[in-house]
Amino acid sequence: MAALKRIAARRVALAILFLAVALVVTLTGFYLSWTQIHSPRPSALLGVALIWPYAIVNWIFHAILGPEPLPTRVYYLAFTLGSVAQLSYLFGILSLARFMSQPRCRGPGRTPSGKEMIALTLRG
């Protein structure tokens, strides 16, 4: 029972850590793209890369509704969809980074030993 509570607490802590990292990355992206307006610099491309899902959702809504400002409810819908897309985008990037950092089996047909399996299970 204590092990289940420990696992649950670890998952909650990882979820909170993920949301904190996502918030920092998103705010950094917004900051870099907003400062581009007043003083153009190369870091604007990094800002756009950090908030790419918001840009795509914004582009889709403006392609459908035209270049004028979005109505309030549609704006909130676009912002919500952009936020979900942003979290999915960052989760995909972090999952890919985690997958790429995991140890690989060496040699054809080699399976991990018992200790390696335990280490991989506890790590994941």
Foldseek 3Di string as FASTA:
>chain_A
DVVVVVVVVVVVVVVVVLVVVLVVLLVVLVVLCVVCVVPNDPCPVVSCVSQVLLVVLVVVVCVVVPDDDDPPVVVVVSVVSSVVVNSVVSVVVVVVVVVVPDDDDDDPPDDDDPVSVVVVVVVD
